[in-house]
Amino acid sequence: MNKKRIVLRIIILLWLCVIWGHSLQPAVVSEGESGRFLELLGKIFPFLLSSENGMFIVRKTAHFLEYLILGALLCSDLSDDIYGPFNKFAVPTFVGLFVSFIDETIQLFVVGRSGEIRDMWIDFAGVALGALIILAIVNNKRGRKRY
């Protein structure tokens, strides 16, 4: 295994720690963190502060972005070992879905938190988009090399 792959896998492990670390936070801590982001984003997007759904939007966007990054990382790592365009997308995406399942299960055991199927769908969409972005970039680079 080359150094690039080792570094990428270390980054994936660290990112999993970030994702699952957020899930291990009690609701009060998690809501406080989201509240700080809401205040910051409210300066750029004032409608978030005036909306009763501002906190919901921030929290669900965080889920989506966490998993978008995970999908990109997983696809970057796994795509060289997998054959076929569907499999290059499906394997990292379903690994990400499994991570989401663990994520939501962790929350069942944390004070004030709950595991939600809706969050798994959001996570799944993020992982899928992250994988698609990486596959598009890789295929674009390969297409350019042919000419």
Protein backbone atom coordinates (compact mmCIF):
# COMPACT_ATOMS: atom_id res chain seq x y z
CA MET A 1 0.00 0.00 0.00
CA ASN A 2 1.41 3.39 -0.95
CA LYS A 3 1.76 6.42 1.32
CA LYS A 4 -1.16 8.22 -0.34
CA ARG A 5 -3.54 5.36 0.52
CA ILE A 6 -2.26 5.16 4.09
CA VAL A 7 -2.76 8.90 4.58
CA LEU A 8 -6.24 8.72 3.02
CA ARG A 9 -7.26 5.89 5.33
CA ILE A 10 -5.98 7.79 8.36
CA ILE A 11 -8.06 10.79 7.24
CA ILE A 12 -11.11 8.52 6.87
CA LEU A 13 -10.61 7.16 10.39
CA LEU A 14 -10.24 10.68 11.77
CA TRP A 15 -13.39 11.76 9.91
CA LEU A 16 -15.28 8.81 11.40
CA CYS A 17 -14.14 10.04 14.82
CA VAL A 18 -15.57 13.48 13.99
CA ILE A 19 -18.91 12.02 12.86
CA TRP A 20 -19.31 9.58 15.73
CA GLY A 21 -17.86 12.10 18.19
CA HIS A 22 -20.71 14.46 17.35
CA SER A 23 -23.17 11.64 17.95
CA LEU A 24 -21.70 10.97 21.37
CA GLN A 25 -22.41 14.54 22.48
CA PRO A 26 -25.42 14.95 24.78
CA ALA A 27 -28.29 16.92 23.23
CA VAL A 28 -27.46 20.07 25.22
CA VAL A 29 -23.89 20.15 23.90
CA SER A 30 -24.93 19.34 20.33
CA GLU A 31 -27.65 22.01 20.33
CA GLY A 32 -25.17 24.56 21.69
CA GLU A 33 -22.75 23.80 18.88
CA SER A 34 -25.54 24.05 16.31
CA GLY A 35 -26.68 27.31 17.88
CA ARG A 36 -23.22 28.83 17.42
CA PHE A 37 -23.25 27.81 13.75
CA LEU A 38 -26.74 29.23 13.38
CA GLU A 39 -25.57 32.59 14.74
CA LEU A 40 -22.59 32.60 12.38
CA LEU A 41 -24.60 31.54 9.34
CA GLY A 42 -27.37 33.98 10.30
CA LYS A 43 -24.97 36.82 9.52
CA ILE A 44 -24.64 35.53 5.96
CA PHE A 45 -28.16 34.13 5.58
CA PRO A 46 -30.46 36.26 7.78
CA PHE A 47 -33.52 34.19 6.88
CA LEU A 48 -32.13 31.38 9.05
CA LEU A 49 -32.46 33.51 12.18
CA SER A 50 -35.97 34.65 11.36
CA SER A 51 -37.17 31.16 10.47
CA GLU A 52 -38.51 28.83 13.12
CA ASN A 53 -36.79 26.06 11.13
CA GLY A 54 -33.35 27.70 11.18
CA MET A 55 -31.90 25.25 13.70
CA PHE A 56 -33.42 22.30 11.83
CA ILE A 57 -31.87 23.50 8.56
CA VAL A 58 -28.44 23.93 10.17
CA ARG A 59 -28.51 20.51 11.84
CA LYS A 60 -29.66 18.62 8.75
CA THR A 61 -27.22 20.47 6.52
CA ALA A 62 -24.43 19.46 8.91
CA HIS A 63 -25.50 15.82 8.55
CA PHE A 64 -25.50 16.12 4.77
CA LEU A 65 -22.07 17.80 4.61
CA GLU A 66 -20.44 15.37 7.06
CA TYR A 67 -21.50 12.51 4.87
CA LEU A 68 -20.75 14.26 1.59
CA ILE A 69 -17.14 14.50 2.78
CA LEU A 70 -17.21 10.86 3.91
CA GLY A 71 -18.57 9.77 0.53
CA ALA A 72 -15.80 11.65 -1.27
CA LEU A 73 -13.15 10.13 1.00
CA LEU A 74 -14.50 6.59 0.70
CA CYS A 75 -14.84 6.82 -3.07
CA SER A 76 -11.31 8.21 -3.37
CA ASP A 77 -9.99 5.30 -1.35
CA LEU A 78 -12.07 2.44 -2.70
CA SER A 79 -12.56 3.28 -6.38
CA ASP A 80 -9.18 1.88 -7.48
CA ASP A 81 -9.96 -1.53 -5.96
CA ILE A 82 -13.46 -1.89 -7.42
CA TYR A 83 -14.40 -2.74 -11.00
CA GLY A 84 -17.43 -1.49 -12.87
CA PRO A 85 -18.97 1.98 -12.80
CA PHE A 86 -21.98 0.93 -10.70
CA ASN A 87 -19.82 -0.81 -8.10
CA LYS A 88 -17.44 2.16 -7.89
CA PHE A 89 -20.48 4.18 -6.80
CA ALA A 90 -22.43 1.57 -4.84
CA VAL A 91 -19.70 0.17 -2.58
CA PRO A 92 -18.56 3.49 -1.03
CA THR A 93 -22.18 4.65 -0.83
CA PHE A 94 -23.33 1.58 1.05
CA VAL A 95 -20.27 1.68 3.33
CA GLY A 96 -21.35 5.25 4.12
CA LEU A 97 -24.90 4.08 4.79
CA PHE A 98 -23.53 1.50 7.24
CA VAL A 99 -21.56 4.28 8.97
CA SER A 100 -24.81 6.26 9.19
CA PHE A 101 -26.59 3.27 10.71
CA ILE A 102 -23.90 3.08 13.40
CA ASP A 103 -24.10 6.86 13.85
CA GLU A 104 -27.85 6.83 14.48
CA THR A 105 -27.55 3.77 16.72
CA ILE A 106 -24.96 5.56 18.88
CA GLN A 107 -27.45 8.39 19.39
CA LEU A 108 -29.99 5.96 20.88
CA PHE A 109 -27.72 5.63 23.91
CA VAL A 110 -26.87 9.32 24.42
CA VAL A 111 -28.84 11.56 26.79
CA GLY A 112 -31.42 13.63 24.93
CA ARG A 113 -30.55 12.20 21.52
CA SER A 114 -32.48 9.88 19.24
CA GLY A 115 -31.60 7.90 16.15
CA GLU A 116 -33.70 8.99 13.20
CA ILE A 117 -34.35 7.29 9.89
CA ARG A 118 -34.77 10.73 8.29
CA ASP A 119 -31.15 11.49 9.22
CA MET A 120 -30.02 8.24 7.61
CA TRP A 121 -31.69 9.30 4.35
CA ILE A 122 -29.96 12.69 4.57
CA ASP A 123 -26.64 10.97 5.30
CA PHE A 124 -27.20 8.57 2.41
CA ALA A 125 -27.85 11.47 0.03
CA GLY A 126 -24.65 13.19 1.21
CA VAL A 127 -22.53 10.06 0.78
CA ALA A 128 -24.01 9.42 -2.66
CA LEU A 129 -23.35 12.98 -3.84
CA GLY A 130 -19.79 12.90 -2.46
CA ALA A 131 -19.11 9.65 -4.30
CA LEU A 132 -20.64 10.99 -7.53
CA ILE A 133 -18.51 14.13 -7.36
CA ILE A 134 -15.31 12.09 -6.99
CA LEU A 135 -16.31 9.70 -9.78
CA ALA A 136 -17.07 12.65 -12.07
CA ILE A 137 -13.69 14.23 -11.32
CA VAL A 138 -11.81 10.94 -11.84
CA ASN A 139 -13.64 10.15 -15.07
CA ASN A 140 -13.08 13.69 -16.36
CA LYS A 141 -9.33 13.37 -15.70
CA ARG A 142 -9.20 9.99 -17.42
CA GLY A 143 -11.12 11.38 -20.40
CA ARG A 144 -8.64 14.22 -20.81
CA LYS A 145 -5.65 11.86 -20.79
CA ARG A 146 -6.95 10.02 -23.85
CA TYR A 147 -6.64 13.04 -26.11
